[in-house]
Amino acid sequence: MDHLQLPFGNRINSELGAVGRQCVTVATAQIMSEIQANIIHKQSMMMALTDSIGCDGNSRHRFGYHNIKPLKSMKSSFV
């Protein structure tokens, strides 16, 4: 990456030089990698949750929850 695609990219490119650009580029890549890993982790947690509850609010038997009420009936009990 020769130039940073940021609003202040030209200023960084002219003042930091090659070493500074490399450091900023590596740091940005590390941050983006951590964000992506966090998103993937949250997606897998959500998939596990929806898999255990089921889209219709009924439980999956392999998790051992046999008496979970559908979401519609739960809403009325909270009002």
PDB file of N, CA and C in Angstrom:
ATOM      1  N   MET A   1       0.856  -1.180   0.000  1.00  0.00           N
ATOM      2  CA  MET A   1       0.000   0.000   0.000  1.00  0.00           C
ATOM      3  C   MET A   1       0.900   1.241   0.000  1.00  0.00           C
ATOM      4  N   ASP A   2       0.854   1.983  -1.070  1.00  0.00           N
ATOM      5  CA  ASP A   2       1.722   3.158  -1.175  1.00  0.00           C
ATOM      6  C   ASP A   2       1.173   4.354  -0.415  1.00  0.00           C
ATOM      7  N   HIS A   3      -0.124   4.533  -0.439  1.00  0.00           N
ATOM      8  CA  HIS A   3      -0.733   5.698   0.199  1.00  0.00           C
ATOM      9  C   HIS A   3      -1.907   5.256   1.052  1.00  0.00           C
ATOM     10  N   LEU A   4      -2.044   5.871   2.201  1.00  0.00           N
ATOM     11  CA  LEU A   4      -3.182   5.578   3.059  1.00  0.00           C
ATOM     12  C   LEU A   4      -4.425   6.245   2.492  1.00  0.00           C
ATOM     13  N   GLN A   5      -5.512   5.521   2.494  1.00  0.00           N
ATOM     14  CA  GLN A   5      -6.765   6.066   1.981  1.00  0.00           C
ATOM     15  C   GLN A   5      -7.548   6.694   3.131  1.00  0.00           C
ATOM     16  N   LEU A   6      -7.015   7.751   3.674  1.00  0.00           N
ATOM     17  CA  LEU A   6      -7.636   8.450   4.780  1.00  0.00           C
ATOM     18  C   LEU A   6      -7.701   9.933   4.456  1.00  0.00           C
ATOM     19  N   PRO A   7      -8.588  10.679   5.118  1.00  0.00           N
ATOM     20  CA  PRO A   7      -8.670  12.116   4.845  1.00  0.00           C
ATOM     21  C   PRO A   7      -7.341  12.835   5.067  1.00  0.00           C
ATOM     22  N   PHE A   8      -6.577  12.346   6.043  1.00  0.00           N
ATOM     23  CA  PHE A   8      -5.294  12.985   6.331  1.00  0.00           C
ATOM     24  C   PHE A   8      -4.126  12.207   5.726  1.00  0.00           C
ATOM     25  N   GLY A   9      -4.434  11.360   4.753  1.00  0.00           N
ATOM     26  CA  GLY A   9      -3.407  10.497   4.163  1.00  0.00           C
ATOM     27  C   GLY A   9      -2.248  11.246   3.538  1.00  0.00           C
ATOM     28  N   ASN A  10      -2.526  12.335   2.812  1.00  0.00           N
ATOM     29  CA  ASN A  10      -1.441  13.066   2.149  1.00  0.00           C
ATOM     30  C   ASN A  10      -0.472  13.655   3.161  1.00  0.00           C
ATOM     31  N   ARG A  11      -0.992  14.154   4.255  1.00  0.00           N
ATOM     32  CA  ARG A  11      -0.141  14.721   5.289  1.00  0.00           C
ATOM     33  C   ARG A  11       0.742  13.634   5.914  1.00  0.00           C
ATOM     34  N   ILE A  12       0.148  12.474   6.202  1.00  0.00           N
ATOM     35  CA  ILE A  12       0.938  11.378   6.760  1.00  0.00           C
ATOM     36  C   ILE A  12       2.000  10.936   5.768  1.00  0.00           C
ATOM     37  N   ASN A  13       1.625  10.793   4.519  1.00  0.00           N
ATOM     38  CA  ASN A  13       2.577  10.329   3.517  1.00  0.00           C
ATOM     39  C   ASN A  13       3.743  11.288   3.357  1.00  0.00           C
ATOM     40  N   SER A  14       3.493  12.590   3.451  1.00  0.00           N
ATOM     41  CA  SER A  14       4.576  13.545   3.250  1.00  0.00           C
ATOM     42  C   SER A  14       5.438  13.723   4.494  1.00  0.00           C
ATOM     43  N   GLU A  15       4.876  13.541   5.688  1.00  0.00           N
ATOM     44  CA  GLU A  15       5.633  13.811   6.913  1.00  0.00           C
ATOM     45  C   GLU A  15       6.280  12.574   7.524  1.00  0.00           C
ATOM     46  N   LEU A  16       5.686  11.414   7.386  1.00  0.00           N
ATOM     47  CA  LEU A  16       6.222  10.237   8.050  1.00  0.00           C
ATOM     48  C   LEU A  16       7.312   9.537   7.265  1.00  0.00           C
ATOM     49  N   GLY A  17       7.228   9.562   5.971  1.00  0.00           N
ATOM     50  CA  GLY A  17       8.185   8.824   5.170  1.00  0.00           C
ATOM     51  C   GLY A  17       7.824   7.353   5.100  1.00  0.00           C
ATOM     52  N   ALA A  18       8.711   6.575   4.485  1.00  0.00           N
ATOM     53  CA  ALA A  18       8.416   5.167   4.203  1.00  0.00           C
ATOM     54  C   ALA A  18       8.238   4.347   5.478  1.00  0.00           C
ATOM     55  N   VAL A  19       9.107   4.550   6.472  1.00  0.00           N
ATOM     56  CA  VAL A  19       9.031   3.752   7.701  1.00  0.00           C
ATOM     57  C   VAL A  19       7.739   4.057   8.452  1.00  0.00           C
ATOM     58  N   GLY A  20       7.396   5.334   8.552  1.00  0.00           N
ATOM     59  CA  GLY A  20       6.168   5.719   9.233  1.00  0.00           C
ATOM     60  C   GLY A  20       4.940   5.176   8.539  1.00  0.00           C
ATOM     61  N   ARG A  21       4.944   5.223   7.211  1.00  0.00           N
ATOM     62  CA  ARG A  21       3.810   4.673   6.460  1.00  0.00           C
ATOM     63  C   ARG A  21       3.676   3.185   6.711  1.00  0.00           C
ATOM     64  N   GLN A  22       4.807   2.480   6.755  1.00  0.00           N
ATOM     65  CA  GLN A  22       4.774   1.031   7.005  1.00  0.00           C
ATOM     66  C   GLN A  22       4.183   0.745   8.386  1.00  0.00           C
ATOM     67  N   CYS A  23       4.588   1.515   9.397  1.00  0.00           N
ATOM     68  CA  CYS A  23       4.081   1.306  10.755  1.00  0.00           C
ATOM     69  C   CYS A  23       2.581   1.542  10.824  1.00  0.00           C
ATOM     70  N   VAL A  24       2.131   2.626  10.222  1.00  0.00           N
ATOM     71  CA  VAL A  24       0.692   2.931  10.235  1.00  0.00           C
ATOM     72  C   VAL A  24      -0.076   1.861   9.480  1.00  0.00           C
ATOM     73  N   THR A  25       0.462   1.400   8.367  1.00  0.00           N
ATOM     74  CA  THR A  25      -0.210   0.374   7.574  1.00  0.00           C
ATOM     75  C   THR A  25      -0.321  -0.928   8.350  1.00  0.00           C
ATOM     76  N   VAL A  26       0.761  -1.339   9.018  1.00  0.00           N
ATOM     77  CA  VAL A  26       0.747  -2.582   9.798  1.00  0.00           C
ATOM     78  C   VAL A  26      -0.221  -2.458  10.969  1.00  0.00           C
ATOM     79  N   ALA A  27      -0.183  -1.322  11.662  1.00  0.00           N
ATOM     80  CA  ALA A  27      -1.097  -1.125  12.794  1.00  0.00           C
ATOM     81  C   ALA A  27      -2.553  -1.158  12.333  1.00  0.00           C
ATOM     82  N   THR A  28      -2.838  -0.521  11.208  1.00  0.00           N
ATOM     83  CA  THR A  28      -4.205  -0.518  10.672  1.00  0.00           C
ATOM     84  C   THR A  28      -4.644  -1.931  10.309  1.00  0.00           C
ATOM     85  N   ALA A  29      -3.748  -2.701   9.699  1.00  0.00           N
ATOM     86  CA  ALA A  29      -4.080  -4.080   9.330  1.00  0.00           C
ATOM     87  C   ALA A  29      -4.348  -4.928  10.571  1.00  0.00           C
ATOM     88  N   GLN A  30      -3.574  -4.712  11.636  1.00  0.00           N
ATOM     89  CA  GLN A  30      -3.787  -5.471  12.869  1.00  0.00           C
ATOM     90  C   GLN A  30      -5.138  -5.122  13.495  1.00  0.00           C
ATOM     91  N   ILE A  31      -5.461  -3.843  13.508  1.00  0.00           N
ATOM     92  CA  ILE A  31      -6.750  -3.415  14.068  1.00  0.00           C
ATOM     93  C   ILE A  31      -7.900  -4.013  13.261  1.00  0.00           C
ATOM     94  N   MET A  32      -7.799  -3.945  11.944  1.00  0.00           N
ATOM     95  CA  MET A  32      -8.862  -4.491  11.094  1.00  0.00           C
ATOM     96  C   MET A  32      -9.004  -5.991  11.301  1.00  0.00           C
ATOM     97  N   SER A  33      -7.884  -6.694  11.480  1.00  0.00           N
ATOM     98  CA  SER A  33      -7.914  -8.134  11.714  1.00  0.00           C
ATOM     99  C   SER A  33      -8.618  -8.453  13.029  1.00  0.00           C
ATOM    100  N   GLU A  34      -8.332  -7.659  14.078  1.00  0.00           N
ATOM    101  CA  GLU A  34      -8.986  -7.875  15.369  1.00  0.00           C
ATOM    102  C   GLU A  34     -10.485  -7.597  15.277  1.00  0.00           C
ATOM    103  N   ILE A  35     -10.862  -6.561  14.548  1.00  0.00           N
ATOM    104  CA  ILE A  35     -12.288  -6.246  14.371  1.00  0.00           C
ATOM    105  C   ILE A  35     -12.982  -7.389  13.643  1.00  0.00           C
ATOM    106  N   GLN A  36     -12.347  -7.899  12.593  1.00  0.00           N
ATOM    107  CA  GLN A  36     -12.946  -8.992  11.830  1.00  0.00           C
ATOM    108  C   GLN A  36     -13.089 -10.238  12.697  1.00  0.00           C
ATOM    109  N   ALA A  37     -12.080 -10.554  13.514  1.00  0.00           N
ATOM    110  CA  ALA A  37     -12.152 -11.716  14.391  1.00  0.00           C
ATOM    111  C   ALA A  37     -13.278 -11.548  15.412  1.00  0.00           C
ATOM    112  N   ASN A  38     -13.447 -10.325  15.914  1.00  0.00           N
ATOM    113  CA  ASN A  38     -14.509 -10.043  16.879  1.00  0.00           C
ATOM    114  C   ASN A  38     -15.880 -10.240  16.235  1.00  0.00           C
ATOM    115  N   ILE A  39     -16.035  -9.762  15.004  1.00  0.00           N
ATOM    116  CA  ILE A  39     -17.312  -9.922  14.289  1.00  0.00           C
ATOM    117  C   ILE A  39     -17.603 -11.401  14.054  1.00  0.00           C
ATOM    118  N   ILE A  40     -16.595 -12.153  13.629  1.00  0.00           N
ATOM    119  CA  ILE A  40     -16.794 -13.586  13.375  1.00  0.00           C
ATOM    120  C   ILE A  40     -17.188 -14.298  14.660  1.00  0.00           C
ATOM    121  N   HIS A  41     -16.537 -13.935  15.764  1.00  0.00           N
ATOM    122  CA  HIS A  41     -16.876 -14.546  17.063  1.00  0.00           C
ATOM    123  C   HIS A  41     -18.326 -14.247  17.443  1.00  0.00           C
ATOM    124  N   LYS A  42     -18.740 -12.989  17.274  1.00  0.00           N
ATOM    125  CA  LYS A  42     -20.112 -12.623  17.633  1.00  0.00           C
ATOM    126  C   LYS A  42     -21.118 -13.321  16.722  1.00  0.00           C
ATOM    127  N   GLN A  43     -20.781 -13.455  15.434  1.00  0.00           N
ATOM    128  CA  GLN A  43     -21.681 -14.150  14.526  1.00  0.00           C
ATOM    129  C   GLN A  43     -21.840 -15.616  14.938  1.00  0.00           C
ATOM    130  N   SER A  44     -20.738 -16.253  15.332  1.00  0.00           N
ATOM    131  CA  SER A  44     -20.825 -17.654  15.726  1.00  0.00           C
ATOM    132  C   SER A  44     -21.614 -17.809  17.022  1.00  0.00           C
ATOM    133  N   MET A  45     -21.481 -16.833  17.937  1.00  0.00           N
ATOM    134  CA  MET A  45     -22.262 -16.876  19.172  1.00  0.00           C
ATOM    135  C   MET A  45     -23.753 -16.728  18.865  1.00  0.00           C
ATOM    136  N   MET A  46     -24.088 -15.820  17.936  1.00  0.00           N
ATOM    137  CA  MET A  46     -25.492 -15.628  17.572  1.00  0.00           C
ATOM    138  C   MET A  46     -26.048 -16.875  16.878  1.00  0.00           C
ATOM    139  N   MET A  47     -25.231 -17.500  16.045  1.00  0.00           N
ATOM    140  CA  MET A  47     -25.685 -18.713  15.364  1.00  0.00           C
ATOM    141  C   MET A  47     -25.938 -19.827  16.376  1.00  0.00           C
ATOM    142  N   ALA A  48     -25.061 -19.941  17.379  1.00  0.00           N
ATOM    143  CA  ALA A  48     -25.256 -20.958  18.409  1.00  0.00           C
ATOM    144  C   ALA A  48     -26.530 -20.685  19.204  1.00  0.00           C
ATOM    145  N   LEU A  49     -26.771 -19.411  19.490  1.00  0.00           N
ATOM    146  CA  LEU A  49     -27.973 -19.043  20.246  1.00  0.00           C
ATOM    147  C   LEU A  49     -29.234 -19.353  19.454  1.00  0.00           C
ATOM    148  N   THR A  50     -29.272 -18.946  18.192  1.00  0.00           N
ATOM    149  CA  THR A  50     -30.466 -19.205  17.386  1.00  0.00           C
ATOM    150  C   THR A  50     -30.631 -20.690  17.131  1.00  0.00           C
ATOM    151  N   ASP A  51     -29.523 -21.421  17.055  1.00  0.00           N
ATOM    152  CA  ASP A  51     -29.612 -22.861  16.848  1.00  0.00           C
ATOM    153  C   ASP A  51     -30.186 -23.544  18.088  1.00  0.00           C
ATOM    154  N   SER A  52     -29.838 -23.042  19.266  1.00  0.00           N
ATOM    155  CA  SER A  52     -30.327 -23.677  20.494  1.00  0.00           C
ATOM    156  C   SER A  52     -31.784 -23.343  20.754  1.00  0.00           C
ATOM    157  N   ILE A  53     -32.226 -22.160  20.365  1.00  0.00           N
ATOM    158  CA  ILE A  53     -33.616 -21.759  20.603  1.00  0.00           C
ATOM    159  C   ILE A  53     -34.515 -22.201  19.459  1.00  0.00           C
ATOM    160  N   GLY A  54     -34.027 -22.051  18.251  1.00  0.00           N
ATOM    161  CA  GLY A  54     -34.831 -22.366  17.080  1.00  0.00           C
ATOM    162  C   GLY A  54     -35.561 -21.120  16.610  1.00  0.00           C
ATOM    163  N   CYS A  55     -35.764 -21.010  15.323  1.00  0.00           N
ATOM    164  CA  CYS A  55     -36.360 -19.805  14.758  1.00  0.00           C
ATOM    165  C   CYS A  55     -37.790 -19.579  15.232  1.00  0.00           C
ATOM    166  N   ASP A  56     -38.489 -20.653  15.561  1.00  0.00           N
ATOM    167  CA  ASP A  56     -39.891 -20.519  15.968  1.00  0.00           C
ATOM    168  C   ASP A  56     -40.039 -20.387  17.483  1.00  0.00           C
ATOM    169  N   GLY A  57     -38.926 -20.301  18.209  1.00  0.00           N
ATOM    170  CA  GLY A  57     -38.993 -20.167  19.652  1.00  0.00           C
ATOM    171  C   GLY A  57     -38.992 -21.500  20.381  1.00  0.00           C
ATOM    172  N   ASN A  58     -39.049 -22.587  19.647  1.00  0.00           N
ATOM    173  CA  ASN A  58     -39.018 -23.914  20.275  1.00  0.00           C
ATOM    174  C   ASN A  58     -37.574 -24.372  20.425  1.00  0.00           C
ATOM    175  N   SER A  59     -37.329 -25.146  21.458  1.00  0.00           N
ATOM    176  CA  SER A  59     -35.966 -25.582  21.726  1.00  0.00           C
ATOM    177  C   SER A  59     -35.581 -26.746  20.829  1.00  0.00           C
ATOM    178  N   ARG A  60     -34.307 -26.937  20.702  1.00  0.00           N
ATOM    179  CA  ARG A  60     -33.776 -28.120  20.045  1.00  0.00           C
ATOM    180  C   ARG A  60     -33.582 -29.176  21.137  1.00  0.00           C
ATOM    181  N   HIS A  61     -33.987 -30.413  20.863  1.00  0.00           N
ATOM    182  CA  HIS A  61     -33.966 -31.424  21.916  1.00  0.00           C
ATOM    183  C   HIS A  61     -32.550 -31.767  22.357  1.00  0.00           C
ATOM    184  N   ARG A  62     -31.579 -31.633  21.478  1.00  0.00           N
ATOM    185  CA  ARG A  62     -30.221 -32.024  21.867  1.00  0.00           C
ATOM    186  C   ARG A  62     -29.652 -31.121  22.944  1.00  0.00           C
ATOM    187  N   PHE A  63     -30.234 -29.942  23.167  1.00  0.00           N
ATOM    188  CA  PHE A  63     -29.759 -29.072  24.228  1.00  0.00           C
ATOM    189  C   PHE A  63     -30.474 -29.355  25.544  1.00  0.00           C
ATOM    190  N   GLY A  64     -31.499 -30.177  25.517  1.00  0.00           N
ATOM    191  CA  GLY A  64     -32.159 -30.579  26.746  1.00  0.00           C
ATOM    192  C   GLY A  64     -33.193 -29.609  27.272  1.00  0.00           C
ATOM    193  N   TYR A  65     -33.554 -28.584  26.507  1.00  0.00           N
ATOM    194  CA  TYR A  65     -34.583 -27.648  26.959  1.00  0.00           C
ATOM    195  C   TYR A  65     -35.891 -28.036  26.279  1.00  0.00           C
ATOM    196  N   HIS A  66     -36.820 -28.569  27.052  1.00  0.00           N
ATOM    197  CA  HIS A  66     -38.040 -29.098  26.446  1.00  0.00           C
ATOM    198  C   HIS A  66     -39.253 -28.213  26.697  1.00  0.00           C
ATOM    199  N   ASN A  67     -39.124 -27.207  27.551  1.00  0.00           N
ATOM    200  CA  ASN A  67     -40.299 -26.442  27.950  1.00  0.00           C
ATOM    201  C   ASN A  67     -40.174 -24.955  27.628  1.00  0.00           C
ATOM    202  N   ILE A  68     -39.406 -24.600  26.626  1.00  0.00           N
ATOM    203  CA  ILE A  68     -39.300 -23.189  26.259  1.00  0.00           C
ATOM    204  C   ILE A  68     -40.550 -22.801  25.478  1.00  0.00           C
ATOM    205  N   LYS A  69     -41.229 -21.757  25.934  1.00  0.00           N
ATOM    206  CA  LYS A  69     -42.450 -21.305  25.265  1.00  0.00           C
ATOM    207  C   LYS A  69     -42.080 -20.550  23.990  1.00  0.00           C
ATOM    208  N   PRO A  70     -42.932 -20.577  22.995  1.00  0.00           N
ATOM    209  CA  PRO A  70     -42.713 -19.726  21.824  1.00  0.00           C
ATOM    210  C   PRO A  70     -42.684 -18.257  22.235  1.00  0.00           C
ATOM    211  N   LEU A  71     -41.972 -17.451  21.472  1.00  0.00           N
ATOM    212  CA  LEU A  71     -41.778 -16.050  21.836  1.00  0.00           C
ATOM    213  C   LEU A  71     -43.097 -15.284  21.947  1.00  0.00           C
ATOM    214  N   LYS A  72     -44.089 -15.615  21.122  1.00  0.00           N
ATOM    215  CA  LYS A  72     -45.365 -14.890  21.160  1.00  0.00           C
ATOM    216  C   LYS A  72     -46.042 -15.041  22.515  1.00  0.00           C
ATOM    217  N   SER A  73     -46.029 -16.241  23.072  1.00  0.00           N
ATOM    218  CA  SER A  73     -46.685 -16.435  24.360  1.00  0.00           C
ATOM    219  C   SER A  73     -45.880 -15.808  25.490  1.00  0.00           C
ATOM    220  N   MET A  74     -44.564 -15.698  25.323  1.00  0.00           N
ATOM    221  CA  MET A  74     -43.736 -15.068  26.351  1.00  0.00           C
ATOM    222  C   MET A  74     -44.009 -13.568  26.417  1.00  0.00           C
ATOM    223  N   LYS A  75     -44.213 -12.939  25.262  1.00  0.00           N
ATOM    224  CA  LYS A  75     -44.458 -11.499  25.240  1.00  0.00           C
ATOM    225  C   LYS A  75     -45.688 -11.130  26.061  1.00  0.00           C
ATOM    226  N   SER A  76     -46.748 -11.921  25.939  1.00  0.00           N
ATOM    227  CA  SER A  76     -47.977 -11.588  26.656  1.00  0.00           C
ATOM    228  C   SER A  76     -47.803 -11.720  28.167  1.00  0.00           C
ATOM    229  N   SER A  77     -46.891 -12.580  28.617  1.00  0.00           N
ATOM    230  CA  SER A  77     -46.713 -12.746  30.053  1.00  0.00           C
ATOM    231  C   SER A  77     -45.926 -11.589  30.666  1.00  0.00           C
ATOM    232  N   PHE A  78     -45.214 -10.815  29.866  1.00  0.00           N
ATOM    233  CA  PHE A  78     -44.449  -9.687  30.388  1.00  0.00           C
ATOM    234  C   PHE A  78     -45.274  -8.412  30.487  1.00  0.00           C
ATOM    235  N   VAL A  79     -46.413  -8.363  29.790  1.00  0.00           N
ATOM    236  CA  VAL A  79     -47.199  -7.129  29.759  1.00  0.00           C
ATOM    237  C   VAL A  79     -48.077  -7.020  30.986  1.00  0.00           C
TER     238      VAL A  79
END
